[in-house]
Amino acid sequence: MNYEGLLKDSWNFQKDNIVVYAVATLIAFVGSIFIVTIAPLYYGLVHMAVKGARSQPVEINDVFEGFRNGNFVRSWIYMIIYLIVVGIAGQIASILSTIVGIIFIFGMPLLVLKGYSGVDAVKETFELVKTNPVESLVLYIIIAVLNVIGVIALGIGLLITAPLSMIFLVRATMEVSGTTALSEDVSATTVA
């Protein structure tokens, strides 16, 4: 996998849409104060990242995609599974939480890219990580470093690094899963 090329392509798209991504990320951060909106807003950010990874135009309203066409339920089913596993793993050891983070790395992008149910996204992310363990670890580290840089930049840097890392992750997910096209109708037909 060409990590440098993926990161460069992700940045080139984001810089042309930097205000849209920054505002959408800010909306998601602030909107996540209401716990019920966390999963759909995160879904919306990933949806924007999918569009960015495909060089499709993005709009601030795209951040609300998680509230449309059954995506709210699908995003929460995935998030609940993820939080339960992370919660259990976190009780065992923090290193396990990192391992779980790596195992689930492709889950939300798959949910958006392929319109999977939460359970199907979990199944495929397991398979992708199993067949691409080194790539999954490297992606996790790159994303963690990007977001640490954002936090170090007084937190405001996350308005840049969070969308960049999502576009980067979606591009990587597309590469490892062989996904090239987002079916616009896929989320309308798949629920839970």
N, C-alpha and C. Protein backbone atom coordinates (compact mmCIF):
# COMPACT_ATOMS: atom_id res chain seq x y z
N MET A 1 0.86 -1.17 0.00
CA MET A 1 0.00 0.00 0.00
C MET A 1 0.90 1.24 0.00
N ASN A 2 0.54 2.20 -0.83
CA ASN A 2 1.32 3.44 -0.94
C ASN A 2 0.73 4.47 0.04
N TYR A 3 1.19 4.42 1.28
CA TYR A 3 0.65 5.31 2.32
C TYR A 3 0.89 6.77 1.99
N GLU A 4 2.07 7.06 1.52
CA GLU A 4 2.40 8.45 1.20
C GLU A 4 1.49 8.99 0.10
N GLY A 5 1.27 8.19 -0.94
CA GLY A 5 0.39 8.61 -2.04
C GLY A 5 -1.04 8.79 -1.57
N LEU A 6 -1.53 7.87 -0.73
CA LEU A 6 -2.90 7.99 -0.21
C LEU A 6 -3.05 9.25 0.63
N LEU A 7 -2.06 9.51 1.48
CA LEU A 7 -2.11 10.70 2.33
C LEU A 7 -2.05 11.97 1.49
N LYS A 8 -1.19 11.98 0.49
CA LYS A 8 -1.06 13.14 -0.39
C LYS A 8 -2.36 13.40 -1.15
N ASP A 9 -2.94 12.36 -1.73
CA ASP A 9 -4.21 12.51 -2.45
C ASP A 9 -5.32 12.99 -1.53
N SER A 10 -5.34 12.46 -0.30
CA SER A 10 -6.36 12.87 0.67
C SER A 10 -6.20 14.36 1.00
N TRP A 11 -4.96 14.77 1.23
CA TRP A 11 -4.71 16.18 1.55
C TRP A 11 -5.07 17.08 0.38
N ASN A 12 -4.72 16.67 -0.84
CA ASN A 12 -5.02 17.50 -2.01
C ASN A 12 -6.51 17.74 -2.16
N PHE A 13 -7.33 16.73 -1.87
CA PHE A 13 -8.77 16.95 -1.95
C PHE A 13 -9.25 17.81 -0.78
N GLN A 14 -8.76 17.49 0.41
CA GLN A 14 -9.25 18.23 1.58
C GLN A 14 -8.90 19.70 1.51
N LYS A 15 -7.70 20.03 1.06
CA LYS A 15 -7.30 21.44 1.06
C LYS A 15 -8.19 22.28 0.16
N ASP A 16 -8.75 21.67 -0.89
CA ASP A 16 -9.67 22.39 -1.76
C ASP A 16 -11.05 22.55 -1.13
N ASN A 17 -11.32 21.80 -0.07
CA ASN A 17 -12.61 21.83 0.61
C ASN A 17 -12.43 22.03 2.11
N ILE A 18 -11.37 22.70 2.48
CA ILE A 18 -10.97 22.77 3.88
C ILE A 18 -12.02 23.42 4.77
N VAL A 19 -12.70 24.44 4.28
CA VAL A 19 -13.72 25.12 5.09
C VAL A 19 -14.92 24.20 5.30
N VAL A 20 -15.34 23.52 4.26
CA VAL A 20 -16.50 22.61 4.37
C VAL A 20 -16.21 21.51 5.39
N TYR A 21 -15.03 20.89 5.30
CA TYR A 21 -14.68 19.83 6.24
C TYR A 21 -14.53 20.36 7.66
N ALA A 22 -13.91 21.52 7.81
CA ALA A 22 -13.72 22.10 9.15
C ALA A 22 -15.06 22.42 9.80
N VAL A 23 -15.96 23.03 9.05
CA VAL A 23 -17.28 23.38 9.60
C VAL A 23 -18.07 22.12 9.93
N ALA A 24 -18.05 21.14 9.03
CA ALA A 24 -18.78 19.89 9.28
C ALA A 24 -18.21 19.17 10.50
N THR A 25 -16.90 19.18 10.66
CA THR A 25 -16.27 18.54 11.82
C THR A 25 -16.66 19.27 13.09
N LEU A 26 -16.68 20.58 13.04
CA LEU A 26 -17.09 21.37 14.20
C LEU A 26 -18.55 21.07 14.56
N ILE A 27 -19.41 20.97 13.55
CA ILE A 27 -20.83 20.62 13.79
C ILE A 27 -20.92 19.26 14.47
N ALA A 28 -20.13 18.30 13.97
CA ALA A 28 -20.16 16.95 14.55
C ALA A 28 -19.66 16.96 15.99
N PHE A 29 -18.57 17.68 16.25
CA PHE A 29 -18.04 17.75 17.62
C PHE A 29 -19.05 18.38 18.57
N VAL A 30 -19.60 19.51 18.18
CA VAL A 30 -20.57 20.20 19.04
C VAL A 30 -21.86 19.38 19.13
N GLY A 31 -22.32 18.86 18.02
CA GLY A 31 -23.55 18.07 18.01
C GLY A 31 -23.45 16.79 18.81
N SER A 32 -22.24 16.30 19.02
CA SER A 32 -22.05 15.07 19.78
C SER A 32 -22.22 15.26 21.28
N ILE A 33 -22.43 16.50 21.69
CA ILE A 33 -22.75 16.76 23.10
C ILE A 33 -24.01 15.99 23.46
N PHE A 34 -24.94 15.91 22.51
CA PHE A 34 -26.14 15.11 22.70
C PHE A 34 -25.78 13.68 22.30
N ILE A 35 -25.65 12.82 23.24
CA ILE A 35 -25.09 11.49 23.01
C ILE A 35 -25.80 10.76 21.87
N VAL A 36 -27.08 10.94 21.72
CA VAL A 36 -27.84 10.23 20.69
C VAL A 36 -27.38 10.60 19.27
N THR A 37 -26.69 11.73 19.12
CA THR A 37 -26.26 12.16 17.79
C THR A 37 -24.84 11.73 17.43
N ILE A 38 -24.12 11.12 18.37
CA ILE A 38 -22.72 10.77 18.12
C ILE A 38 -22.58 9.85 16.90
N ALA A 39 -23.26 8.72 16.90
CA ALA A 39 -23.10 7.74 15.82
C ALA A 39 -23.52 8.30 14.46
N PRO A 40 -24.70 8.95 14.33
CA PRO A 40 -25.08 9.45 13.01
C PRO A 40 -24.18 10.60 12.52
N LEU A 41 -23.70 11.44 13.44
CA LEU A 41 -22.80 12.51 13.00
C LEU A 41 -21.45 11.94 12.57
N TYR A 42 -20.97 10.93 13.26
CA TYR A 42 -19.73 10.27 12.85
C TYR A 42 -19.94 9.62 11.48
N TYR A 43 -21.10 8.98 11.29
CA TYR A 43 -21.45 8.40 9.99
C TYR A 43 -21.40 9.48 8.92
N GLY A 44 -21.97 10.65 9.23
CA GLY A 44 -21.97 11.75 8.27
C GLY A 44 -20.57 12.20 7.89
N LEU A 45 -19.67 12.27 8.89
CA LEU A 45 -18.28 12.64 8.59
C LEU A 45 -17.62 11.58 7.70
N VAL A 46 -17.90 10.32 7.98
CA VAL A 46 -17.34 9.25 7.14
C VAL A 46 -17.94 9.33 5.74
N HIS A 47 -19.22 9.64 5.65
CA HIS A 47 -19.87 9.81 4.35
C HIS A 47 -19.17 10.91 3.55
N MET A 48 -18.84 12.01 4.24
CA MET A 48 -18.10 13.11 3.58
C MET A 48 -16.72 12.64 3.15
N ALA A 49 -16.10 11.81 3.98
CA ALA A 49 -14.78 11.28 3.64
C ALA A 49 -14.86 10.36 2.42
N VAL A 50 -15.94 9.58 2.34
CA VAL A 50 -16.14 8.71 1.17
C VAL A 50 -16.25 9.57 -0.09
N LYS A 51 -17.04 10.62 0.00
CA LYS A 51 -17.18 11.51 -1.16
C LYS A 51 -15.83 12.15 -1.50
N GLY A 52 -15.08 12.54 -0.47
CA GLY A 52 -13.77 13.12 -0.69
C GLY A 52 -12.80 12.13 -1.30
N ALA A 53 -12.83 10.90 -0.83
CA ALA A 53 -11.95 9.86 -1.37
C ALA A 53 -12.24 9.59 -2.84
N ARG A 54 -13.48 9.85 -3.24
CA ARG A 54 -13.88 9.66 -4.64
C ARG A 54 -13.82 10.96 -5.43
N SER A 55 -13.30 12.00 -4.82
CA SER A 55 -13.20 13.33 -5.44
C SER A 55 -14.56 13.87 -5.88
N GLN A 56 -15.61 13.51 -5.14
CA GLN A 56 -16.95 14.03 -5.40
C GLN A 56 -17.13 15.32 -4.60
N PRO A 57 -17.95 16.22 -5.08
CA PRO A 57 -18.18 17.46 -4.34
C PRO A 57 -18.79 17.17 -2.95
N VAL A 58 -18.35 17.93 -1.96
CA VAL A 58 -18.89 17.78 -0.60
C VAL A 58 -19.57 19.08 -0.18
N GLU A 59 -20.58 18.92 0.67
CA GLU A 59 -21.32 20.05 1.22
C GLU A 59 -21.41 19.87 2.72
N ILE A 60 -21.57 20.95 3.42
CA ILE A 60 -21.69 20.88 4.88
C ILE A 60 -22.87 19.99 5.28
N ASN A 61 -23.95 20.04 4.53
CA ASN A 61 -25.13 19.22 4.84
C ASN A 61 -24.84 17.72 4.81
N ASP A 62 -23.77 17.31 4.15
CA ASP A 62 -23.42 15.89 4.10
C ASP A 62 -23.16 15.32 5.50
N VAL A 63 -22.80 16.17 6.45
CA VAL A 63 -22.53 15.69 7.81
C VAL A 63 -23.80 15.11 8.44
N PHE A 64 -24.97 15.44 7.92
CA PHE A 64 -26.23 14.95 8.46
C PHE A 64 -26.73 13.68 7.76
N GLU A 65 -25.92 13.07 6.91
CA GLU A 65 -26.29 11.85 6.18
C GLU A 65 -26.66 10.71 7.14
N GLY A 66 -26.07 10.71 8.31
CA GLY A 66 -26.36 9.65 9.28
C GLY A 66 -27.77 9.68 9.83
N PHE A 67 -28.51 10.74 9.55
CA PHE A 67 -29.89 10.84 10.01
C PHE A 67 -30.88 10.45 8.92
N ARG A 68 -30.39 10.06 7.75
CA ARG A 68 -31.25 9.77 6.60
C ARG A 68 -31.30 8.27 6.31
N ASN A 69 -32.39 7.82 5.72
CA ASN A 69 -32.52 6.50 5.10
C ASN A 69 -32.10 5.33 5.97
N GLY A 70 -32.43 5.33 7.22
CA GLY A 70 -32.08 4.21 8.08
C GLY A 70 -30.64 4.22 8.57
N ASN A 71 -29.88 5.22 8.17
CA ASN A 71 -28.47 5.28 8.58
C ASN A 71 -28.33 5.51 10.08
N PHE A 72 -29.31 6.16 10.69
CA PHE A 72 -29.27 6.41 12.13
C PHE A 72 -29.20 5.08 12.88
N VAL A 73 -30.11 4.17 12.54
CA VAL A 73 -30.16 2.87 13.21
C VAL A 73 -28.91 2.06 12.88
N ARG A 74 -28.52 2.02 11.64
CA ARG A 74 -27.33 1.26 11.24
C ARG A 74 -26.08 1.76 11.94
N SER A 75 -25.94 3.09 12.02
CA SER A 75 -24.75 3.64 12.66
C SER A 75 -24.74 3.33 14.16
N TRP A 76 -25.91 3.35 14.79
CA TRP A 76 -25.95 3.05 16.22
C TRP A 76 -25.74 1.58 16.51
N ILE A 77 -26.24 0.70 15.67
CA ILE A 77 -26.00 -0.74 15.87
C ILE A 77 -24.49 -1.00 15.82
N TYR A 78 -23.85 -0.44 14.81
CA TYR A 78 -22.39 -0.60 14.71
C TYR A 78 -21.71 0.00 15.94
N MET A 79 -22.09 1.22 16.33
CA MET A 79 -21.45 1.91 17.44
C MET A 79 -21.65 1.16 18.75
N ILE A 80 -22.83 0.60 18.96
CA ILE A 80 -23.09 -0.17 20.19
C ILE A 80 -22.20 -1.40 20.24
N ILE A 81 -22.12 -2.13 19.13
CA ILE A 81 -21.23 -3.30 19.10
C ILE A 81 -19.80 -2.88 19.40
N TYR A 82 -19.36 -1.81 18.75
CA TYR A 82 -18.00 -1.31 18.94
C TYR A 82 -17.77 -0.92 20.41
N LEU A 83 -18.69 -0.14 20.99
CA LEU A 83 -18.52 0.33 22.36
C LEU A 83 -18.53 -0.81 23.38
N ILE A 84 -19.35 -1.81 23.15
CA ILE A 84 -19.37 -2.96 24.05
C ILE A 84 -18.03 -3.68 24.00
N VAL A 85 -17.55 -3.94 22.79
CA VAL A 85 -16.26 -4.63 22.66
C VAL A 85 -15.12 -3.79 23.22
N VAL A 86 -15.10 -2.49 22.93
CA VAL A 86 -14.05 -1.61 23.47
C VAL A 86 -14.16 -1.52 24.99
N GLY A 87 -15.39 -1.44 25.50
CA GLY A 87 -15.58 -1.37 26.95
C GLY A 87 -15.06 -2.61 27.65
N ILE A 88 -15.38 -3.76 27.10
CA ILE A 88 -14.89 -5.01 27.68
C ILE A 88 -13.38 -5.08 27.56
N ALA A 89 -12.87 -4.76 26.38
CA ALA A 89 -11.43 -4.80 26.16
C ALA A 89 -10.71 -3.80 27.06
N GLY A 90 -11.31 -2.63 27.25
CA GLY A 90 -10.70 -1.61 28.11
C GLY A 90 -10.60 -2.05 29.55
N GLN A 91 -11.53 -2.88 29.97
CA GLN A 91 -11.47 -3.42 31.33
C GLN A 91 -10.34 -4.42 31.48
N ILE A 92 -10.04 -5.12 30.43
CA ILE A 92 -8.97 -6.12 30.48
C ILE A 92 -7.60 -5.44 30.45
N ALA A 93 -7.42 -4.56 29.48
CA ALA A 93 -6.14 -3.85 29.39
C ALA A 93 -6.24 -2.81 28.29
N SER A 94 -5.56 -1.71 28.46
CA SER A 94 -5.63 -0.65 27.44
C SER A 94 -5.02 -1.11 26.13
N ILE A 95 -4.07 -1.99 26.16
CA ILE A 95 -3.48 -2.51 24.92
C ILE A 95 -4.55 -3.24 24.11
N LEU A 96 -5.46 -3.89 24.80
CA LEU A 96 -6.55 -4.57 24.11
C LEU A 96 -7.44 -3.58 23.38
N SER A 97 -7.65 -2.40 23.97
CA SER A 97 -8.45 -1.37 23.32
C SER A 97 -7.80 -0.94 22.01
N THR A 98 -6.49 -0.83 22.01
CA THR A 98 -5.78 -0.50 20.78
C THR A 98 -5.96 -1.60 19.75
N ILE A 99 -5.86 -2.84 20.18
CA ILE A 99 -6.04 -3.97 19.27
C ILE A 99 -7.46 -3.95 18.69
N VAL A 100 -8.44 -3.68 19.55
CA VAL A 100 -9.83 -3.59 19.08
C VAL A 100 -9.97 -2.44 18.09
N GLY A 101 -9.33 -1.31 18.38
CA GLY A 101 -9.36 -0.18 17.45
C GLY A 101 -8.83 -0.56 16.08
N ILE A 102 -7.76 -1.33 16.07
CA ILE A 102 -7.18 -1.79 14.81
C ILE A 102 -8.14 -2.75 14.11
N ILE A 103 -8.71 -3.68 14.87
CA ILE A 103 -9.62 -4.67 14.29
C ILE A 103 -10.86 -4.00 13.68
N PHE A 104 -11.33 -2.92 14.30
CA PHE A 104 -12.54 -2.24 13.83
C PHE A 104 -12.23 -1.08 12.87
N ILE A 105 -11.00 -0.92 12.47
CA ILE A 105 -10.58 0.26 11.72
C ILE A 105 -11.39 0.50 10.43
N PHE A 106 -11.74 -0.56 9.75
CA PHE A 106 -12.44 -0.40 8.47
C PHE A 106 -13.97 -0.42 8.61
N GLY A 107 -14.49 -0.63 9.81
CA GLY A 107 -15.92 -0.85 10.02
C GLY A 107 -16.82 0.27 9.55
N MET A 108 -16.63 1.48 10.06
CA MET A 108 -17.52 2.59 9.68
C MET A 108 -17.39 2.94 8.20
N PRO A 109 -16.17 2.98 7.64
CA PRO A 109 -16.11 3.21 6.19
C PRO A 109 -16.87 2.14 5.39
N LEU A 110 -16.79 0.87 5.81
CA LEU A 110 -17.54 -0.18 5.12
C LEU A 110 -19.04 0.02 5.25
N LEU A 111 -19.47 0.48 6.42
CA LEU A 111 -20.89 0.76 6.65
C LEU A 111 -21.40 1.75 5.60
N VAL A 112 -20.60 2.78 5.34
CA VAL A 112 -21.00 3.82 4.39
C VAL A 112 -20.75 3.36 2.95
N LEU A 113 -19.57 2.84 2.68
CA LEU A 113 -19.20 2.46 1.31
C LEU A 113 -20.11 1.38 0.73
N LYS A 114 -20.39 0.35 1.53
CA LYS A 114 -21.13 -0.80 1.01
C LYS A 114 -22.56 -0.88 1.52
N GLY A 115 -22.96 0.06 2.40
CA GLY A 115 -24.32 0.04 2.90
C GLY A 115 -24.63 -1.17 3.76
N TYR A 116 -23.60 -1.70 4.40
CA TYR A 116 -23.76 -2.88 5.23
C TYR A 116 -24.60 -2.61 6.47
N SER A 117 -25.12 -3.67 7.05
CA SER A 117 -25.68 -3.59 8.40
C SER A 117 -24.48 -3.49 9.34
N GLY A 118 -24.73 -3.12 10.59
CA GLY A 118 -23.65 -3.02 11.57
C GLY A 118 -22.91 -4.34 11.73
N VAL A 119 -23.65 -5.44 11.76
CA VAL A 119 -23.05 -6.76 11.94
C VAL A 119 -22.19 -7.13 10.73
N ASP A 120 -22.68 -6.86 9.51
CA ASP A 120 -21.91 -7.18 8.31
C ASP A 120 -20.64 -6.34 8.22
N ALA A 121 -20.71 -5.09 8.66
CA ALA A 121 -19.51 -4.23 8.67
C ALA A 121 -18.47 -4.81 9.62
N VAL A 122 -18.92 -5.30 10.77
CA VAL A 122 -17.99 -5.90 11.74
C VAL A 122 -17.37 -7.16 11.13
N LYS A 123 -18.17 -7.99 10.48
CA LYS A 123 -17.64 -9.22 9.88
C LYS A 123 -16.58 -8.90 8.83
N GLU A 124 -16.87 -7.94 7.94
CA GLU A 124 -15.90 -7.66 6.87
C GLU A 124 -14.65 -6.97 7.41
N THR A 125 -14.79 -6.09 8.40
CA THR A 125 -13.59 -5.45 8.93
C THR A 125 -12.68 -6.51 9.56
N PHE A 126 -13.26 -7.52 10.22
CA PHE A 126 -12.44 -8.62 10.75
C PHE A 126 -11.66 -9.29 9.63
N GLU A 127 -12.36 -9.58 8.53
CA GLU A 127 -11.71 -10.26 7.41
C GLU A 127 -10.61 -9.41 6.78
N LEU A 128 -10.89 -8.12 6.61
CA LEU A 128 -9.90 -7.24 5.99
C LEU A 128 -8.65 -7.09 6.87
N VAL A 129 -8.86 -6.98 8.17
CA VAL A 129 -7.71 -6.87 9.08
C VAL A 129 -6.93 -8.18 9.10
N LYS A 130 -7.65 -9.30 9.06
CA LYS A 130 -6.99 -10.60 9.08
C LYS A 130 -6.12 -10.79 7.83
N THR A 131 -6.59 -10.31 6.68
CA THR A 131 -5.82 -10.46 5.45
C THR A 131 -4.82 -9.33 5.22
N ASN A 132 -4.96 -8.23 5.97
CA ASN A 132 -4.06 -7.07 5.83
C ASN A 132 -3.60 -6.58 7.20
N PRO A 133 -2.97 -7.44 8.01
CA PRO A 133 -2.64 -7.03 9.38
C PRO A 133 -1.61 -5.90 9.46
N VAL A 134 -0.59 -5.94 8.64
CA VAL A 134 0.45 -4.91 8.68
C VAL A 134 -0.12 -3.58 8.23
N GLU A 135 -0.88 -3.58 7.13
CA GLU A 135 -1.49 -2.36 6.62
C GLU A 135 -2.44 -1.76 7.66
N SER A 136 -3.20 -2.61 8.33
CA SER A 136 -4.15 -2.14 9.34
C SER A 136 -3.42 -1.45 10.50
N LEU A 137 -2.33 -2.05 10.94
CA LEU A 137 -1.54 -1.47 12.03
C LEU A 137 -0.93 -0.13 11.61
N VAL A 138 -0.36 -0.09 10.42
CA VAL A 138 0.26 1.15 9.94
C VAL A 138 -0.79 2.24 9.79
N LEU A 139 -1.96 1.92 9.24
CA LEU A 139 -3.05 2.90 9.11
C LEU A 139 -3.45 3.44 10.48
N TYR A 140 -3.59 2.56 11.44
CA TYR A 140 -3.98 2.95 12.80
C TYR A 140 -2.95 3.93 13.38
N ILE A 141 -1.69 3.62 13.20
CA ILE A 141 -0.63 4.48 13.73
C ILE A 141 -0.63 5.84 13.04
N ILE A 142 -0.75 5.85 11.72
CA ILE A 142 -0.75 7.12 10.98
C ILE A 142 -1.93 7.99 11.43
N ILE A 143 -3.11 7.39 11.55
CA ILE A 143 -4.29 8.14 11.97
C ILE A 143 -4.12 8.65 13.40
N ALA A 144 -3.58 7.82 14.27
CA ALA A 144 -3.35 8.25 15.65
C ALA A 144 -2.38 9.43 15.70
N VAL A 145 -1.30 9.35 14.93
CA VAL A 145 -0.32 10.43 14.91
C VAL A 145 -0.95 11.71 14.37
N LEU A 146 -1.71 11.61 13.27
CA LEU A 146 -2.37 12.79 12.72
C LEU A 146 -3.26 13.46 13.77
N ASN A 147 -4.03 12.66 14.48
CA ASN A 147 -4.96 13.24 15.44
C ASN A 147 -4.28 13.73 16.71
N VAL A 148 -3.17 13.12 17.08
CA VAL A 148 -2.39 13.65 18.19
C VAL A 148 -1.84 15.02 17.81
N ILE A 149 -1.39 15.16 16.58
CA ILE A 149 -0.92 16.47 16.09
C ILE A 149 -2.06 17.49 16.19
N GLY A 150 -3.26 17.08 15.83
CA GLY A 150 -4.42 17.97 15.92
C GLY A 150 -4.71 18.39 17.35
N VAL A 151 -4.58 17.46 18.28
CA VAL A 151 -4.81 17.77 19.69
C VAL A 151 -3.71 18.70 20.21
N ILE A 152 -2.48 18.42 19.83
CA ILE A 152 -1.36 19.26 20.27
C ILE A 152 -1.53 20.69 19.79
N ALA A 153 -2.12 20.85 18.61
CA ALA A 153 -2.36 22.19 18.06
C ALA A 153 -3.58 22.81 18.73
N LEU A 154 -3.62 22.73 20.05
CA LEU A 154 -4.68 23.33 20.88
C LEU A 154 -6.07 22.79 20.55
N GLY A 155 -6.14 21.61 20.02
CA GLY A 155 -7.43 21.00 19.72
C GLY A 155 -8.05 21.49 18.43
N ILE A 156 -7.77 22.73 18.08
CA ILE A 156 -8.35 23.29 16.85
C ILE A 156 -7.76 22.59 15.62
N GLY A 157 -6.58 22.05 15.79
CA GLY A 157 -5.96 21.30 14.70
C GLY A 157 -6.77 20.08 14.29
N LEU A 158 -7.61 19.58 15.21
CA LEU A 158 -8.48 18.45 14.88
C LEU A 158 -9.47 18.80 13.78
N LEU A 159 -9.78 20.08 13.62
CA LEU A 159 -10.68 20.48 12.53
C LEU A 159 -10.04 20.20 11.18
N ILE A 160 -8.73 20.08 11.16
CA ILE A 160 -8.01 19.74 9.94
C ILE A 160 -7.64 18.26 9.93
N THR A 161 -7.07 17.77 11.04
CA THR A 161 -6.55 16.40 11.04
C THR A 161 -7.63 15.32 11.10
N ALA A 162 -8.77 15.60 11.75
CA ALA A 162 -9.83 14.59 11.82
C ALA A 162 -10.41 14.28 10.44
N PRO A 163 -10.81 15.29 9.64
CA PRO A 163 -11.31 14.96 8.30
C PRO A 163 -10.23 14.36 7.41
N LEU A 164 -8.99 14.86 7.53
CA LEU A 164 -7.89 14.32 6.72
C LEU A 164 -7.70 12.84 7.03
N SER A 165 -7.71 12.48 8.31
CA SER A 165 -7.51 11.08 8.66
C SER A 165 -8.68 10.22 8.19
N MET A 166 -9.90 10.79 8.18
CA MET A 166 -11.05 10.02 7.69
C MET A 166 -10.99 9.78 6.19
N ILE A 167 -10.64 10.82 5.44
CA ILE A 167 -10.51 10.64 3.98
C ILE A 167 -9.43 9.60 3.70
N PHE A 168 -8.32 9.72 4.41
CA PHE A 168 -7.21 8.78 4.28
C PHE A 168 -7.68 7.35 4.58
N LEU A 169 -8.44 7.17 5.67
CA LEU A 169 -8.94 5.85 6.05
C LEU A 169 -9.91 5.30 5.00
N VAL A 170 -10.78 6.16 4.49
CA VAL A 170 -11.74 5.70 3.47
C VAL A 170 -10.99 5.27 2.21
N ARG A 171 -10.01 6.05 1.79
CA ARG A 171 -9.23 5.67 0.61
C ARG A 171 -8.53 4.33 0.84
N ALA A 172 -7.98 4.14 2.02
CA ALA A 172 -7.32 2.88 2.34
C ALA A 172 -8.32 1.73 2.38
N THR A 173 -9.51 1.98 2.94
CA THR A 173 -10.56 0.96 2.99
C THR A 173 -10.99 0.57 1.58
N MET A 174 -11.13 1.58 0.72
CA MET A 174 -11.49 1.30 -0.67
C MET A 174 -10.43 0.41 -1.31
N GLU A 175 -9.17 0.70 -1.03
CA GLU A 175 -8.08 -0.08 -1.62
C GLU A 175 -8.07 -1.52 -1.12
N VAL A 176 -8.16 -1.72 0.19
CA VAL A 176 -8.07 -3.09 0.71
C VAL A 176 -9.34 -3.90 0.46
N SER A 177 -10.48 -3.22 0.32
CA SER A 177 -11.73 -3.96 0.10
C SER A 177 -12.10 -4.09 -1.37
N GLY A 178 -11.37 -3.38 -2.22
CA GLY A 178 -11.67 -3.43 -3.65
C GLY A 178 -12.94 -2.67 -4.01
N THR A 179 -13.35 -1.74 -3.17
CA THR A 179 -14.57 -0.96 -3.41
C THR A 179 -14.21 0.29 -4.20
N THR A 180 -14.94 0.53 -5.28
CA THR A 180 -14.66 1.72 -6.08
C THR A 180 -15.86 2.64 -6.21
N ALA A 181 -17.06 2.13 -6.01
CA ALA A 181 -18.24 2.99 -6.24
C ALA A 181 -19.19 2.91 -5.06
N LEU A 182 -19.71 4.05 -4.68
CA LEU A 182 -20.71 4.13 -3.62
C LEU A 182 -22.08 4.09 -4.27
N SER A 183 -22.89 3.13 -3.88
CA SER A 183 -24.25 3.08 -4.37
C SER A 183 -25.08 4.07 -3.58
N GLU A 184 -25.60 5.08 -4.25
CA GLU A 184 -26.40 6.10 -3.57
C GLU A 184 -27.66 5.51 -2.96
N ASP A 185 -28.13 4.40 -3.53
CA ASP A 185 -29.36 3.80 -3.04
C ASP A 185 -29.13 2.75 -1.97
N VAL A 186 -27.86 2.37 -1.73
CA VAL A 186 -27.56 1.28 -0.84
C VAL A 186 -28.03 1.54 0.58
N SER A 187 -27.91 2.77 1.08
CA SER A 187 -28.31 3.04 2.45
C SER A 187 -29.84 3.09 2.60
N ALA A 188 -30.55 3.32 1.52
CA ALA A 188 -32.01 3.37 1.59
C ALA A 188 -32.61 1.98 1.68
N THR A 189 -31.85 0.96 1.23
CA THR A 189 -32.40 -0.38 1.19
C THR A 189 -31.91 -1.26 2.32
N THR A 190 -30.83 -0.87 2.99
CA THR A 190 -30.27 -1.69 4.04
C THR A 190 -30.54 -1.04 5.39
N VAL A 191 -31.17 -1.76 6.28
CA VAL A 191 -31.43 -1.24 7.63
C VAL A 191 -30.98 -2.26 8.64
N ALA A 192 -30.36 -1.78 9.74
CA ALA A 192 -29.91 -2.61 10.86
C ALA A 192 -29.18 -3.78 10.32
